[in-house]
Protein backbone atom coordinates (compact mmCIF):
# COMPACT_ATOMS: atom_id res chain seq x y z
CA MET A 1 -16.17 -33.69 -34.76
CA ASN A 2 -12.68 -32.30 -33.16
CA THR A 3 -10.98 -35.76 -32.35
CA ALA A 4 -8.08 -33.87 -30.67
CA LEU A 5 -10.29 -32.19 -28.35
CA PHE A 6 -12.08 -35.35 -27.65
CA ILE A 7 -9.46 -37.47 -26.76
CA ALA A 8 -7.92 -34.69 -24.77
CA ARG A 9 -11.26 -34.27 -22.62
CA ARG A 10 -11.25 -38.33 -22.08
CA VAL A 11 -7.52 -38.27 -20.96
CA ALA A 12 -8.08 -35.37 -18.81
CA PHE A 13 -11.44 -35.83 -17.15
CA ASN A 14 -11.10 -39.82 -16.84
CA ARG A 15 -12.61 -40.67 -13.51
CA GLN A 16 -10.47 -43.85 -13.36
CA LYS A 17 -7.59 -43.53 -10.74
CA THR A 18 -4.96 -43.33 -13.56
CA PHE A 19 -1.33 -41.78 -13.33
CA SER A 20 -2.25 -39.13 -15.99
CA ARG A 21 -5.10 -37.91 -13.52
CA ILE A 22 -2.86 -37.75 -10.76
CA ILE A 23 -0.34 -35.74 -13.02
CA ILE A 24 -3.22 -33.42 -14.22
CA ARG A 25 -4.48 -32.52 -10.65
CA LEU A 26 -1.12 -31.91 -9.54
CA ALA A 27 -0.47 -29.57 -12.36
CA VAL A 28 -3.88 -27.86 -11.80
CA SER A 29 -3.30 -27.30 -8.24
CA ALA A 30 0.36 -25.89 -8.77
CA THR A 31 -1.12 -23.19 -11.43
CA ALA A 32 -3.79 -22.38 -8.94
CA ILE A 33 -1.29 -21.70 -6.36
CA SER A 34 0.89 -19.83 -8.28
CA VAL A 35 -2.00 -17.42 -9.59
CA ALA A 36 -3.49 -17.11 -5.90
CA ILE A 37 0.05 -16.04 -4.42
CA MET A 38 0.63 -13.67 -7.33
CA ILE A 39 -2.87 -12.17 -6.57
CA LEU A 40 -2.03 -12.03 -2.99
CA THR A 41 1.09 -10.37 -3.39
CA LEU A 42 -0.10 -7.67 -5.49
CA ALA A 43 -2.99 -7.15 -3.08
CA PHE A 44 -0.76 -6.89 0.22
CA VAL A 45 1.90 -4.82 -1.38
CA ASN A 46 -0.83 -2.45 -2.76
CA GLY A 47 -2.67 -2.25 0.56
CA PHE A 48 0.50 -1.86 2.58
CA GLN A 49 1.76 1.11 0.49
CA HIS A 50 -1.60 2.64 0.32
CA ALA A 51 -2.03 2.41 3.98
CA VAL A 52 1.29 3.73 5.02
CA SER A 53 1.15 6.64 2.54
CA GLN A 54 -2.25 7.81 3.38
CA LYS A 55 -1.12 7.93 7.39
CA VAL A 56 1.54 10.35 6.09
CA PHE A 57 -0.99 12.46 3.98
CA SER A 58 -3.58 12.36 6.50
CA PHE A 59 -1.43 13.94 9.12
CA TRP A 60 0.45 16.52 7.11
CA GLY A 61 -1.41 16.82 3.74
CA HIS A 62 0.13 16.00 0.40
CA ILE A 63 1.90 19.19 -0.24
CA ARG A 64 3.29 21.59 2.47
CA VAL A 65 3.62 25.52 1.46
CA GLN A 66 5.58 27.75 3.66
CA TYR A 67 8.80 30.12 3.78
CA TYR A 68 11.32 28.72 1.70
CA GLU A 69 14.50 27.45 3.68
CA GLN A 70 16.68 25.23 1.82
CA TYR A 71 18.27 23.42 4.50
CA ARG A 72 15.51 23.29 7.00
CA ALA A 73 14.85 19.79 8.77
CA PRO A 74 11.25 18.40 8.61
CA PHE A 75 10.70 18.57 12.12
CA ALA A 76 12.22 22.24 12.62
CA GLU A 77 9.98 25.23 13.62
CA GLU A 78 8.80 27.48 10.52
CA SER A 79 9.76 30.93 9.75
CA PRO A 80 6.43 32.76 9.72
CA ILE A 81 4.66 34.07 6.62
CA LEU A 82 1.62 36.03 6.36
CA LYS A 83 -1.76 34.68 5.44
CA ASN A 84 -2.70 35.62 1.92
CA ASP A 85 -6.38 34.81 1.11
CA SER A 86 -6.00 35.47 -2.51
CA ILE A 87 -2.94 32.94 -2.81
CA VAL A 88 -5.18 30.39 -0.82
CA ALA A 89 -8.16 31.08 -3.21
CA GLY A 90 -5.70 30.85 -6.27
CA ILE A 91 -4.53 27.38 -5.02
CA LYS A 92 -8.10 26.04 -4.50
CA GLU A 93 -8.84 27.07 -7.93
CA ILE A 94 -6.12 24.67 -9.35
CA PRO A 95 -8.23 21.48 -10.41
CA GLY A 96 -7.23 18.41 -8.23
CA ILE A 97 -7.01 20.63 -4.92
CA LYS A 98 -9.21 19.56 -2.11
CA THR A 99 -8.39 21.66 0.97
CA VAL A 100 -5.85 24.16 1.93
CA GLN A 101 -5.27 24.76 5.79
CA ALA A 102 -2.97 26.86 7.94
CA PHE A 103 -0.82 25.34 10.69
CA ALA A 104 2.29 26.15 12.72
CA THR A 105 4.79 24.15 14.96
CA LYS A 106 6.79 25.06 18.48
CA SER A 107 8.99 22.95 20.30
CA ALA A 108 7.70 22.06 23.85
CA ILE A 109 8.19 19.75 26.94
CA LEU A 110 5.40 18.00 28.70
CA LYS A 111 6.23 17.42 32.32
CA THR A 112 4.56 15.30 35.26
CA ASP A 113 5.97 14.96 38.53
CA GLU A 114 7.37 11.49 37.62
CA SER A 115 8.85 12.07 33.94
CA ILE A 116 8.96 14.65 30.99
CA GLU A 117 8.79 14.22 27.12
CA GLY A 118 9.46 16.42 24.15
CA VAL A 119 6.99 17.08 21.73
CA LEU A 120 6.36 19.40 18.48
CA PHE A 121 3.19 21.18 19.36
CA LYS A 122 1.20 21.45 16.00
CA GLY A 123 -1.21 24.41 16.12
CA VAL A 124 -4.16 24.43 14.00
CA ASP A 125 -7.06 26.79 13.69
CA THR A 126 -10.91 26.61 13.62
CA GLY A 127 -10.88 26.06 9.83
CA TYR A 128 -8.98 22.87 10.24
CA ASP A 129 -10.89 19.67 8.94
CA PHE A 130 -10.03 16.50 11.40
CA SER A 131 -11.88 14.17 9.30
CA SER A 132 -8.81 12.93 7.92
CA LEU A 133 -7.18 12.22 11.41
CA GLN A 134 -10.38 10.75 12.71
CA GLN A 135 -9.31 7.21 12.04
CA PHE A 136 -6.15 7.80 14.40
CA LEU A 137 -8.35 9.11 17.40
CA THR A 138 -8.37 6.32 20.01
CA VAL A 139 -9.95 8.22 23.07
CA GLY A 140 -11.32 11.74 23.65
CA ARG A 141 -12.04 14.19 20.65
CA TRP A 142 -10.27 16.69 18.99
CA VAL A 143 -9.32 20.33 20.10
CA GLY A 144 -12.13 23.02 20.75
CA PHE A 145 -11.40 26.43 19.86
CA SER A 146 -12.23 29.65 21.59
CA ASP A 147 -13.25 33.05 19.63
CA SER A 148 -11.78 35.22 22.18
CA THR A 149 -8.58 33.65 23.24
CA TYR A 150 -6.38 30.58 22.70
CA SER A 151 -7.74 27.00 23.75
CA ARG A 152 -5.95 25.33 26.69
CA GLU A 153 -6.80 21.95 25.20
CA ILE A 154 -4.39 19.33 23.83
CA VAL A 155 -4.13 15.90 22.18
CA ILE A 156 -1.63 13.76 22.47
CA SER A 157 -0.19 10.50 21.30
CA GLU A 158 -1.00 7.01 22.94
CA TYR A 159 2.66 6.79 22.99
CA THR A 160 3.29 9.84 24.74
CA ALA A 161 0.07 9.24 27.34
CA LYS A 162 1.69 6.04 28.28
CA GLN A 163 5.39 7.37 29.08
CA LEU A 164 3.50 10.07 31.12
CA ARG A 165 1.09 7.91 32.62
CA LEU A 166 -1.73 10.49 31.28
CA ASN A 167 -5.36 10.21 30.20
CA VAL A 168 -8.13 12.09 28.71
CA ASP A 169 -9.39 15.04 30.94
CA ASP A 170 -5.88 14.94 32.96
CA ARG A 171 -4.02 18.66 32.98
CA ILE A 172 -0.53 18.45 32.09
CA LEU A 173 2.20 21.24 32.59
CA ILE A 174 3.70 22.31 29.21
CA TYR A 175 6.96 24.29 28.81
CA PHE A 176 7.64 25.94 25.63
CA PHE A 177 11.08 27.37 24.44
CA ARG A 178 10.28 31.22 23.63
CA GLY A 179 12.69 33.82 22.26
CA GLU A 180 16.25 33.92 21.12
CA THR A 181 17.60 32.69 24.59
CA GLN A 182 15.17 29.80 24.50
CA LYS A 183 13.47 30.70 27.86
CA LEU A 184 11.03 28.17 28.92
CA ARG A 185 7.76 29.39 29.53
CA PRO A 186 4.88 27.02 31.29
CA ASP A 187 1.39 26.60 30.48
CA ARG A 188 -1.18 24.26 31.77
CA LEU A 189 -3.56 22.48 29.28
CA THR A 190 -6.01 19.64 29.21
CA ILE A 191 -5.61 16.58 27.48
CA VAL A 192 -9.02 16.05 25.43
CA GLY A 193 -7.90 13.61 23.02
CA ILE A 194 -5.37 10.71 22.30
CA TYR A 195 -4.35 9.75 18.99
CA LYS A 196 -2.47 6.44 17.67
CA THR A 197 -0.86 6.18 14.21
CA ASN A 198 1.53 3.19 14.82
CA MET A 199 4.22 5.66 13.09
CA GLU A 200 7.21 6.52 15.45
CA GLU A 201 7.82 9.75 13.49
CA TYR A 202 4.54 11.24 14.50
CA ASP A 203 3.48 9.23 18.00
CA LYS A 204 6.69 10.03 19.45
CA LEU A 205 7.02 13.71 18.48
CA TYR A 206 3.66 15.43 17.82
CA ALA A 207 1.03 16.84 19.78
CA ILE A 208 -1.95 18.76 18.63
CA GLY A 209 -3.23 22.22 19.88
CA ASP A 210 -4.74 25.68 19.05
CA LEU A 211 -2.36 27.51 16.50
CA LYS A 212 -3.13 30.94 18.44
CA LEU A 213 -1.16 29.71 21.64
CA VAL A 214 1.65 29.44 19.04
CA GLN A 215 1.22 32.70 17.59
CA ARG A 216 0.93 34.05 21.32
CA LEU A 217 4.28 32.41 22.23
CA ASN A 218 6.18 33.50 19.13
CA ASP A 219 4.95 36.99 19.44
CA TRP A 220 3.26 36.57 15.94
CA SER A 221 0.47 38.72 14.87
CA PRO A 222 -2.88 37.04 14.33
CA ASP A 223 -2.13 36.78 10.43
CA GLU A 224 0.97 34.96 10.79
CA ILE A 225 1.27 31.24 10.33
CA GLY A 226 3.82 28.56 9.81
CA GLY A 227 2.31 27.35 6.51
CA TYR A 228 -0.57 25.88 4.74
CA GLU A 229 -1.11 22.07 4.25
CA VAL A 230 -2.57 21.28 0.74
CA PHE A 231 -4.72 18.19 0.37
CA VAL A 232 -5.10 16.89 -3.23
CA ASP A 233 -7.70 14.34 -4.83
CA ASP A 234 -5.24 12.06 -6.25
CA TYR A 235 -1.88 11.79 -4.64
CA LYS A 236 -0.27 10.11 -7.57
CA LYS A 237 -0.35 13.70 -9.29
CA MET A 238 0.82 15.65 -6.30
CA ASP A 239 4.33 16.36 -7.91
CA ALA A 240 2.65 18.13 -10.84
CA LEU A 241 0.28 19.77 -8.34
CA SER A 242 3.14 21.09 -6.29
CA ASP A 243 5.01 22.68 -9.31
CA GLU A 244 1.84 24.52 -10.46
CA ILE A 245 1.17 25.52 -6.70
CA PHE A 246 4.78 27.11 -6.79
CA SER A 247 4.34 28.89 -9.83
CA THR A 248 1.29 31.01 -7.78
CA LEU A 249 3.70 31.64 -4.96
CA PRO A 250 5.52 34.62 -3.69
CA GLY A 251 9.25 34.69 -4.24
CA GLU A 252 9.99 33.71 -0.82
CA TRP A 253 7.64 30.88 -0.40
CA GLY A 254 8.09 27.42 -1.29
CA SER A 255 5.91 24.07 -1.80
CA LYS A 256 7.20 20.71 -1.34
CA THR A 257 5.34 17.26 -1.46
CA MET A 258 5.49 14.59 1.37
CA THR A 259 7.84 12.76 -0.77
CA GLU A 260 10.25 15.28 -0.56
CA ILE A 261 9.94 15.83 3.17
CA TYR A 262 10.04 12.41 4.15
CA PRO A 263 12.00 10.38 1.50
CA ASN A 264 12.93 7.73 3.78
CA ILE A 265 9.27 6.25 4.32
CA PHE A 266 8.54 6.56 0.42
CA ASP A 267 11.76 5.28 -0.49
CA TRP A 268 11.21 2.14 1.77
CA LEU A 269 7.55 1.87 0.48
CA GLN A 270 9.24 1.49 -3.14
CA LEU A 271 11.62 -1.25 -1.85
CA GLN A 272 8.27 -3.13 -1.60
CA ASN A 273 7.85 -3.37 -5.16
CA THR A 274 11.20 -5.16 -5.41
CA ASN A 275 9.89 -8.07 -3.26
CA ARG A 276 6.62 -7.98 -4.97
CA ASP A 277 8.49 -8.51 -8.50
CA VAL A 278 10.81 -11.15 -7.08
CA VAL A 279 7.66 -13.01 -5.77
CA LEU A 280 5.94 -12.71 -9.15
CA VAL A 281 8.88 -13.69 -11.23
CA VAL A 282 9.38 -16.87 -9.00
CA MET A 283 5.46 -17.75 -9.06
CA ILE A 284 5.83 -17.35 -13.35
CA VAL A 285 9.06 -19.34 -13.31
CA ILE A 286 7.12 -22.34 -10.82
CA ALA A 287 4.13 -22.35 -13.15
CA ILE A 288 6.38 -22.71 -16.31
CA ILE A 289 8.49 -25.33 -14.91
CA ASN A 290 5.07 -27.20 -13.63
CA LEU A 291 3.36 -26.96 -16.85
CA ILE A 292 6.37 -28.00 -19.00
CA THR A 293 7.14 -31.00 -16.58
CA CYS A 294 3.50 -32.24 -16.61
CA LEU A 295 3.05 -32.20 -20.12
CA ILE A 296 6.36 -34.12 -20.80
CA ILE A 297 5.26 -36.57 -18.28
CA LEU A 298 1.77 -37.04 -20.02
CA VAL A 299 3.29 -37.64 -23.22
CA LEU A 300 5.78 -40.01 -22.19
CA GLU A 301 2.80 -41.81 -20.16
CA ARG A 302 0.81 -41.86 -23.33
CA THR A 303 3.67 -42.71 -26.06
CA ARG A 304 1.69 -46.07 -26.77
CA MET A 305 -1.52 -44.12 -27.57
CA ILE A 306 0.40 -41.41 -29.66
CA GLY A 307 1.86 -44.48 -31.71
CA VAL A 308 -1.43 -46.01 -31.87
CA LEU A 309 -3.10 -42.68 -33.19
CA LYS A 310 -0.06 -42.41 -35.69
CA SER A 311 -0.51 -45.58 -36.98
CA VAL A 312 -3.88 -45.52 -37.92
CA GLY A 313 -3.31 -42.17 -39.62
CA ALA A 314 -3.48 -39.65 -37.17
CA THR A 315 -0.95 -36.48 -38.28
CA ASP A 316 1.53 -34.95 -35.88
CA TRP A 317 -0.62 -31.88 -35.90
CA VAL A 318 -3.45 -33.71 -34.35
CA VAL A 319 -1.29 -35.38 -31.67
CA GLN A 320 0.13 -32.03 -30.92
CA LYS A 321 -2.98 -30.55 -30.51
CA ILE A 322 -4.21 -33.36 -28.18
CA PHE A 323 -1.43 -32.39 -25.74
CA THR A 324 -2.17 -28.69 -26.50
CA TYR A 325 -5.74 -28.99 -25.34
CA GLN A 326 -4.77 -30.79 -22.10
CA GLY A 327 -2.30 -27.97 -21.34
CA ILE A 328 -5.15 -25.35 -21.73
CA PHE A 329 -7.49 -27.11 -19.33
CA ILE A 330 -4.84 -27.35 -16.88
CA ALA A 331 -4.00 -23.73 -17.01
CA CYS A 332 -7.51 -22.61 -17.38
CA PHE A 333 -8.88 -24.72 -14.25
CA GLY A 334 -5.70 -23.69 -12.37
CA ILE A 335 -6.32 -19.95 -13.12
CA LEU A 336 -10.05 -20.07 -12.30
CA ILE A 337 -9.32 -21.74 -8.84
CA GLY A 338 -6.30 -19.49 -8.08
CA LEU A 339 -8.53 -16.57 -8.80
CA ALA A 340 -11.44 -17.75 -6.54
CA ALA A 341 -8.77 -18.66 -3.90
CA GLY A 342 -6.70 -15.45 -4.01
CA LEU A 343 -9.90 -13.04 -4.06
CA GLY A 344 -11.30 -14.95 -1.70
CA ILE A 345 -8.59 -14.74 0.88
CA CYS A 346 -8.38 -11.02 0.02
CA TYR A 347 -12.28 -10.43 0.80
CA LEU A 348 -11.98 -12.27 4.23
CA GLN A 349 -8.88 -10.34 5.18
CA GLU A 350 -10.62 -7.11 4.19
CA ARG A 351 -13.75 -7.98 6.34
CA THR A 352 -12.24 -10.06 9.21
CA GLY A 353 -8.41 -8.85 9.47
CA PHE A 354 -7.50 -12.28 10.37
CA LEU A 355 -3.85 -11.90 8.89
CA LYS A 356 -1.64 -9.59 11.29
CA PHE A 357 1.69 -8.17 11.39
CA TRP A 358 3.83 -9.84 14.10
CA ASP A 359 5.19 -6.43 15.05
CA GLU A 360 2.72 -3.18 14.44
CA ASN A 361 5.74 -0.61 15.48
CA ALA A 362 8.00 -2.13 12.70
CA TYR A 363 5.15 -1.96 9.93
CA TYR A 364 3.08 1.02 11.12
CA MET A 365 -0.20 -0.92 11.65
CA LEU A 366 -1.24 -4.23 13.46
CA VAL A 367 -3.51 -5.56 10.55
CA ILE A 368 -2.26 -6.44 7.25
CA PRO A 369 -4.31 -4.21 4.55
CA VAL A 370 -5.39 -5.62 1.20
CA GLN A 371 -6.23 -3.39 -1.82
CA VAL A 372 -7.33 -5.40 -4.95
CA ILE A 373 -6.78 -3.66 -8.48
CA TRP A 374 -8.86 -5.14 -11.07
CA TRP A 375 -6.31 -4.20 -14.05
CA GLN A 376 -3.62 -5.92 -12.03
CA VAL A 377 -5.81 -9.25 -11.56
CA LEU A 378 -6.65 -9.13 -15.24
CA LEU A 379 -3.04 -8.75 -16.14
CA VAL A 380 -1.87 -11.85 -13.81
CA VAL A 381 -4.70 -14.06 -15.67
CA LEU A 382 -3.95 -12.68 -18.94
CA GLY A 383 -0.23 -13.16 -18.38
CA THR A 384 -0.48 -16.54 -16.99
CA LEU A 385 -2.70 -17.72 -20.23
CA VAL A 386 0.25 -16.17 -22.50
CA VAL A 387 2.91 -17.97 -20.35
CA CYS A 388 1.25 -21.10 -20.49
CA ALA A 389 0.23 -20.94 -24.25
CA LEU A 390 3.99 -20.14 -25.16
CA THR A 391 5.09 -23.03 -22.80
CA LEU A 392 2.80 -25.42 -24.24
CA LEU A 393 5.13 -25.62 -27.62
CA ILE A 394 7.75 -27.54 -25.90
CA PRO A 395 6.22 -30.75 -24.62
CA SER A 396 3.87 -30.62 -27.28
CA MET A 397 6.88 -30.75 -29.85
CA VAL A 398 8.09 -33.72 -27.94
CA SER A 399 5.14 -35.61 -29.23
CA ARG A 400 5.84 -34.87 -33.17
CA ARG A 401 9.14 -36.67 -32.72
CA ILE A 402 7.88 -40.01 -31.63
CA GLN A 403 7.73 -42.81 -34.13
CA PRO A 404 4.76 -45.17 -34.27
CA ALA A 405 6.71 -48.33 -34.68
CA LYS A 406 9.00 -47.93 -31.54
CA ALA A 407 5.86 -46.20 -29.67
CA VAL A 408 3.65 -49.42 -29.76
CA GLN A 409 6.55 -51.37 -28.05
CA PHE A 410 6.83 -48.77 -25.57
CA ARG A 411 6.40 -50.35 -21.89
């Protein structure tokens, strides 16, 4: 019979309202809260980073291929390149490449009788896959294309629609800057859809229409485009894939990842890792202090018991094991409860979205997203067990210093 384990279980699971029972429950609760908060912190940060980055990728792809201009601004119009089916085919053959789509942009002004709004008109063609943007469409549909001429349809953002007081099926007067003299050319387009990404960089700037219209306005040939959007299967590999794509391009072409084009967004996302790490460190420190304090109090509260055990022949190692087992009970029950609470809240949030940001414009979304990565959950559990195991050495060593003669007189 394991005497140390028997005594530890009797003390830990004593149903009488003793001081030890209260201390153990507080320690279990504190450990559970620490584990739950660590799991929630990881899930919320992962979900937020993934949701924001996917919005950027869904709108522009992961890699942009276009004419190489070193000092070109991200929102400027592109210099034309010629469509090259052999280059596109070569890019698609690279493992990890999902789709390649042509595009071009053109500065424009949307005008009503009451107000005007500047936009960057993004032209796409019949081969464009709108499935990645479907999550952003709030009203209407995407642009339809014609084989004979350019489409006179346009999709605008919800922000632009509110500013101009427009809705689906309304016709809008649009002025394009044309030629070296930047002469304005008017045209009338029909609004067929309204989108919302909650990202100011997109909602306040972009409208989507037909690539043929951009080609017509720029006096481009049907084979001239602004560039290609490249979508990849795994965004974590886009830097390596961009380098591989670059090696297949003509000398005057270049390729850039979205992290290079929009570094401010992705640098901001990386800062969330700092907040995450701070919370994790604080929770680990709280768990350590809580467990040490709890076990020291238990040792002091059971001083007379320790004295009696030693006086009847129990070794220091047996006494030390009693409090080590108690610490293991606290850690295991705390981890299990924290695990259930953390994963349960993540599940409810994913199903119901009951937790929301107070300012959706500041965080690019309204509902707080969650993404549980199971190896991180496993790391939290194992890390907590290891930390608790190391922490147990301190209070359990205190029990070795208690002398039987003094302990039995302890009040």
